[in-house]
């Protein structure tokens, strides 16, 4: 798996009803853009060094600019919050 700065790392949920996790790739530390990746997660703004597993994939940066990327990240956070609220009912 390869990624570049600005790409999105998406980790699918292993359980039904749980949301996937999205993170913005800040750096690729492996040779030729391979893992590990420094990722900032959209759900909590936490940064971590990630060795993605089989449940992950990379979505390339669409060169849409920081405003749209921020809007997408905010939307993903809102969806995650909504799913959490529904699960707690």
Protein backbone atom coordinates (compact mmCIF):
# COMPACT_ATOMS: atom_id res chain seq x y z
CA UNK A 1 0.00 0.00 0.00
CA UNK A 2 1.31 3.43 -0.97
CA UNK A 3 0.15 6.91 0.01
CA UNK A 4 1.26 10.49 -0.40
CA UNK A 5 0.80 13.56 1.74
CA UNK A 6 -2.82 14.70 1.39
CA UNK A 7 -4.22 11.25 0.63
CA UNK A 8 -6.83 9.72 2.93
CA UNK A 9 -6.37 6.50 4.87
CA UNK A 10 -9.72 4.76 5.41
CA UNK A 11 -9.99 1.92 7.90
CA UNK A 12 -13.20 -0.03 7.54
CA UNK A 13 -15.05 -1.17 10.65
CA UNK A 14 -14.80 -4.83 11.55
CA UNK A 15 -18.26 -4.74 13.16
CA UNK A 16 -21.68 -3.96 11.73
CA UNK A 17 -23.01 -0.65 12.94
CA UNK A 18 -19.62 0.88 13.64
CA UNK A 19 -18.28 3.64 11.43
CA UNK A 20 -15.09 3.49 9.44
CA UNK A 21 -12.21 5.72 10.42
CA UNK A 22 -10.69 8.32 8.08
CA UNK A 23 -7.36 10.00 8.47
CA UNK A 24 -5.39 12.51 6.47
CA UNK A 25 -1.96 11.21 5.51
CA UNK A 26 0.60 13.74 6.69
CA UNK A 27 3.73 11.72 5.87
CA UNK A 28 4.74 8.36 4.44
CA UNK A 29 7.76 7.04 6.33
CA UNK A 30 8.43 3.91 4.28
CA UNK A 31 10.38 3.71 1.05
CA UNK A 32 8.54 4.92 -2.05
CA UNK A 33 5.47 6.12 -0.15
CA UNK A 34 4.81 2.91 1.77
CA UNK A 35 3.84 2.48 5.43
CA UNK A 36 4.13 3.48 8.12
CA UNK A 37 2.03 6.60 7.60
CA UNK A 38 1.70 9.57 9.93
CA UNK A 39 -2.06 10.15 9.96
CA UNK A 40 -4.32 12.81 11.53
CA UNK A 41 -7.66 11.16 12.29
CA UNK A 42 -10.80 13.14 11.45
CA UNK A 43 -12.80 11.85 14.41
CA UNK A 44 -10.51 13.21 17.14
CA UNK A 45 -7.64 15.15 15.44
CA UNK A 46 -5.19 12.68 17.03
CA UNK A 47 -2.03 11.97 15.06
CA UNK A 48 -0.57 8.47 14.99
CA UNK A 49 1.95 6.37 13.10
CA UNK A 50 -0.01 3.65 11.30
CA UNK A 51 0.87 0.34 9.70
CA UNK A 52 -2.45 -0.28 7.89
CA UNK A 53 -3.97 -3.75 7.87
CA UNK A 54 -6.13 -5.55 5.33
CA UNK A 55 -9.17 -3.54 6.48
CA UNK A 56 -7.64 -0.28 5.22
CA UNK A 57 -7.33 1.44 1.87
CA UNK A 58 -5.99 4.73 0.55
CA UNK A 59 -8.13 7.29 -1.23
CA UNK A 60 -6.00 9.68 -3.24
CA UNK A 61 -6.08 13.42 -2.71
CA UNK A 62 -8.40 14.87 -5.31
CA UNK A 63 -6.56 18.21 -5.33
CA UNK A 64 -9.75 19.94 -4.31
CA UNK A 65 -8.05 22.31 -1.92
CA UNK A 66 -7.96 22.64 1.84
CA UNK A 67 -11.48 24.06 2.19
CA UNK A 68 -13.20 21.01 0.71
CA UNK A 69 -10.87 18.60 2.50
CA UNK A 70 -11.71 20.36 5.78
CA UNK A 71 -15.42 20.20 4.98
CA UNK A 72 -15.17 16.47 4.27
CA UNK A 73 -13.29 15.91 7.52
CA UNK A 74 -15.91 17.91 9.44
CA UNK A 75 -18.70 15.94 7.80
CA UNK A 76 -17.04 12.64 8.70
CA UNK A 77 -16.73 13.80 12.31
CA UNK A 78 -20.42 14.77 12.39
CA UNK A 79 -21.43 11.37 10.98
CA UNK A 80 -19.27 9.59 13.56
CA UNK A 81 -20.85 11.65 16.36
CA UNK A 82 -24.32 10.85 15.05
CA UNK A 83 -23.54 7.12 14.87
CA UNK A 84 -22.25 7.24 18.44
CA UNK A 85 -25.41 8.96 19.64
CA UNK A 86 -27.60 6.41 17.88
CA UNK A 87 -25.60 3.52 19.32
CA UNK A 88 -25.99 4.92 22.85
CA UNK A 89 -29.80 4.94 22.63
